[in-house]
Amino acid sequence: MRKSNLPFIPDFYDTYIQKVGDTLDLENALEQFGSEYFTADKKILLALGDQAYAPGKWTVKEVLQHMIDTERIFAYRALRFARNDQTELPGMDQDLFAANTLANKRGVEDLLHEFAVVRESTILLFASFDDKMLLREGICSEKRTTVLALGFTIVGHGLHHKHILKERYYPMLESN
């Protein structure tokens, strides 16, 4: 299904969903902007792994861990709603999560591998949903959303962080 199939675009998630092109269906978007999209810059990520672009900002490794954690949470939400679970799900505190990882003790290659495994799992999960399931709704972070919107949010969240990496982190190599 494509973004045009969304019955509504939920507030807050709209900034991520809008980053995904209108011509891609969800399955192709998850694959196109999956692990290979990020490993294409593996050498840059390896060179920058422990660096942050400013004091108090996340390192590249922490950004990668954040992407992994967030994808897992959004996929879990999608699973709950696809199975017609109407339990309102809480939000997540991304800064709390980031402060409680061991991302900076891990290698960039390890994080990229984990991201690839998580994305493969996400692709398989969404492939198991039919159209009716993709349009099921639920509430998370006090926002009404659909399974399909959560899928596009996963893709757009990755695109968002790829843009931040390119814009704020990659230039640090040029200045060294």
Protein backbone atom coordinates (compact mmCIF):
# COMPACT_ATOMS: atom_id res chain seq x y z
CA MET A 1 0.00 0.00 0.00
CA ARG A 2 1.09 3.57 -0.68
CA LYS A 3 0.86 6.74 1.38
CA SER A 4 -2.19 7.68 -0.65
CA ASN A 5 -3.97 4.76 1.07
CA LEU A 6 -3.57 6.40 4.48
CA PRO A 7 -7.00 7.43 5.76
CA PHE A 8 -5.25 10.26 7.63
CA ILE A 9 -1.70 11.29 8.47
CA PRO A 10 -1.29 11.45 12.22
CA ASP A 11 0.07 14.57 13.88
CA PHE A 12 3.72 14.42 14.90
CA TYR A 13 4.43 11.44 12.62
CA ASP A 14 3.61 13.53 9.55
CA THR A 15 7.12 14.99 9.39
CA TYR A 16 8.55 11.48 9.00
CA ILE A 17 5.83 10.16 6.69
CA GLN A 18 6.23 13.12 4.32
CA LYS A 19 9.92 12.22 3.80
CA VAL A 20 8.88 9.05 1.96
CA GLY A 21 8.11 9.48 -1.74
CA ASP A 22 4.54 9.13 -2.94
CA THR A 23 5.36 6.52 -5.59
CA LEU A 24 6.72 3.83 -3.27
CA ASP A 25 4.55 1.28 -1.58
CA LEU A 26 5.50 0.45 2.00
CA GLU A 27 7.23 -2.83 1.21
CA ASN A 28 9.49 -1.21 -1.40
CA ALA A 29 10.17 1.79 0.83
CA LEU A 30 11.27 -0.45 3.72
CA GLU A 31 13.60 -2.33 1.37
CA GLN A 32 14.94 0.67 -0.56
CA PHE A 33 15.77 2.64 2.56
CA GLY A 34 16.96 -0.33 4.58
CA SER A 35 20.37 -1.40 5.75
CA GLU A 36 22.11 -1.08 2.36
CA TYR A 37 21.05 2.56 2.24
CA PHE A 38 23.01 3.18 5.44
CA THR A 39 25.93 0.81 4.82
CA ALA A 40 26.67 2.70 1.60
CA ASP A 41 28.34 5.27 3.89
CA LYS A 42 30.02 2.65 6.08
CA LYS A 43 33.52 4.15 5.75
CA ILE A 44 32.27 7.57 6.84
CA LEU A 45 30.29 6.08 9.73
CA LEU A 46 33.35 4.09 10.84
CA ALA A 47 35.48 7.24 10.79
CA LEU A 48 32.90 9.20 12.78
CA GLY A 49 31.61 6.47 15.12
CA ASP A 50 32.47 8.03 18.48
CA GLN A 51 32.07 11.64 17.44
CA ALA A 52 29.19 14.02 18.05
CA TYR A 53 28.77 17.21 16.04
CA ALA A 54 28.34 19.34 19.17
CA PRO A 55 28.61 18.96 22.95
CA GLY A 56 25.61 17.15 24.39
CA LYS A 57 24.60 15.65 21.03
CA TRP A 58 24.58 11.94 20.27
CA THR A 59 27.55 10.19 18.73
CA VAL A 60 27.10 8.46 15.38
CA LYS A 61 26.93 5.16 17.26
CA GLU A 62 24.18 6.53 19.50
CA VAL A 63 22.25 7.73 16.44
CA LEU A 64 22.46 4.23 14.96
CA GLN A 65 21.32 2.67 18.24
CA HIS A 66 18.46 5.19 18.42
CA MET A 67 17.33 4.18 14.93
CA ILE A 68 17.40 0.50 15.94
CA ASP A 69 15.51 1.09 19.19
CA THR A 70 12.90 3.29 17.55
CA GLU A 71 12.28 0.85 14.71
CA ARG A 72 11.74 -1.96 17.21
CA ILE A 73 9.24 0.12 19.17
CA PHE A 74 7.30 1.24 16.10
CA ALA A 75 7.22 -2.30 14.71
CA TYR A 76 5.92 -3.54 18.07
CA ARG A 77 3.20 -0.91 18.01
CA ALA A 78 2.28 -1.94 14.47
CA LEU A 79 2.07 -5.59 15.53
CA ARG A 80 -0.23 -4.76 18.44
CA PHE A 81 -2.57 -2.68 16.29
CA ALA A 82 -2.51 -5.13 13.36
CA ARG A 83 -3.65 -7.83 15.77
CA ASN A 84 -6.52 -5.52 16.75
CA ASP A 85 -5.19 -4.78 20.23
CA GLN A 86 -6.79 -1.50 21.23
CA THR A 87 -4.62 -0.94 24.30
CA GLU A 88 -3.32 2.62 24.29
CA LEU A 89 0.47 2.42 24.11
CA PRO A 90 2.79 4.85 25.88
CA GLY A 91 5.40 7.01 24.26
CA MET A 92 9.12 6.55 24.65
CA ASP A 93 11.72 8.88 26.05
CA GLN A 94 14.45 8.79 23.42
CA ASP A 95 16.94 10.57 25.67
CA LEU A 96 16.38 8.05 28.46
CA PHE A 97 16.93 5.24 25.97
CA ALA A 98 20.10 6.88 24.60
CA ALA A 99 21.50 7.40 28.09
CA ASN A 100 21.04 3.72 28.87
CA THR A 101 22.68 1.97 25.93
CA LEU A 102 26.15 0.63 25.40
CA ALA A 103 26.26 2.02 21.86
CA ASN A 104 29.61 3.74 22.33
CA LYS A 105 31.20 0.47 23.46
CA ARG A 106 30.05 -1.28 20.30
CA GLY A 107 31.47 -1.14 16.82
CA VAL A 108 29.78 0.66 13.96
CA GLU A 109 29.81 -2.58 11.95
CA ASP A 110 28.01 -4.37 14.80
CA LEU A 111 25.36 -1.65 14.95
CA LEU A 112 24.89 -1.71 11.17
CA HIS A 113 24.50 -5.49 11.31
CA GLU A 114 21.89 -5.20 14.04
CA PHE A 115 20.06 -2.55 12.04
CA ALA A 116 20.03 -4.90 9.02
CA VAL A 117 18.56 -7.73 11.11
CA VAL A 118 15.94 -5.47 12.68
CA ARG A 119 14.97 -4.06 9.25
CA GLU A 120 14.67 -7.56 7.80
CA SER A 121 12.39 -8.46 10.70
CA THR A 122 10.34 -5.30 10.09
CA ILE A 123 9.99 -6.13 6.39
CA LEU A 124 8.79 -9.65 7.19
CA LEU A 125 6.37 -8.33 9.82
CA PHE A 126 4.73 -5.83 7.49
CA ALA A 127 4.63 -8.40 4.66
CA SER A 128 2.53 -10.58 6.96
CA PHE A 129 -0.20 -7.94 7.19
CA ASP A 130 -3.06 -7.75 4.72
CA ASP A 131 -4.67 -4.48 3.65
CA LYS A 132 -7.28 -4.67 6.40
CA MET A 133 -4.58 -5.02 9.05
CA LEU A 134 -2.53 -2.16 7.58
CA LEU A 135 -5.50 0.17 8.00
CA ARG A 136 -6.25 -0.80 11.59
CA GLU A 137 -5.92 2.02 14.08
CA GLY A 138 -4.59 2.42 17.56
CA ILE A 139 -3.30 5.07 19.93
CA CYS A 140 0.32 5.48 20.86
CA SER A 141 1.96 8.49 22.46
CA GLU A 142 -1.58 9.87 22.79
CA LYS A 143 -1.89 10.03 18.98
CA ARG A 144 -4.28 8.04 16.83
CA THR A 145 -2.46 6.27 14.02
CA THR A 146 -2.67 3.31 11.66
CA VAL A 147 -0.40 0.33 11.10
CA LEU A 148 0.39 1.68 7.63
CA ALA A 149 1.32 5.09 9.06
CA LEU A 150 3.65 3.39 11.54
CA GLY A 151 5.36 1.61 8.64
CA PHE A 152 5.92 4.84 6.74
CA THR A 153 7.05 6.48 9.98
CA ILE A 154 9.75 3.81 10.37
CA VAL A 155 11.04 4.57 6.88
CA GLY A 156 10.81 8.35 7.31
CA HIS A 157 12.53 8.24 10.71
CA GLY A 158 15.52 6.54 9.09
CA LEU A 159 15.55 9.11 6.27
CA HIS A 160 15.40 11.89 8.85
CA HIS A 161 18.48 10.60 10.64
CA LYS A 162 20.35 9.92 7.40
CA HIS A 163 19.80 13.60 6.54
CA ILE A 164 21.07 14.71 9.95
CA LEU A 165 24.13 12.49 9.62
CA LYS A 166 24.93 13.95 6.19
CA GLU A 167 24.21 17.53 7.21
CA ARG A 168 25.81 17.70 10.66
CA TYR A 169 28.20 14.78 11.07
CA TYR A 170 29.77 14.12 7.67
CA PRO A 171 31.17 17.67 7.35
CA MET A 172 33.27 16.99 10.48
CA LEU A 173 35.53 14.79 8.34
CA GLU A 174 36.20 17.68 5.99
CA SER A 175 37.26 19.94 8.85
CA ASN A 176 39.83 17.41 10.20
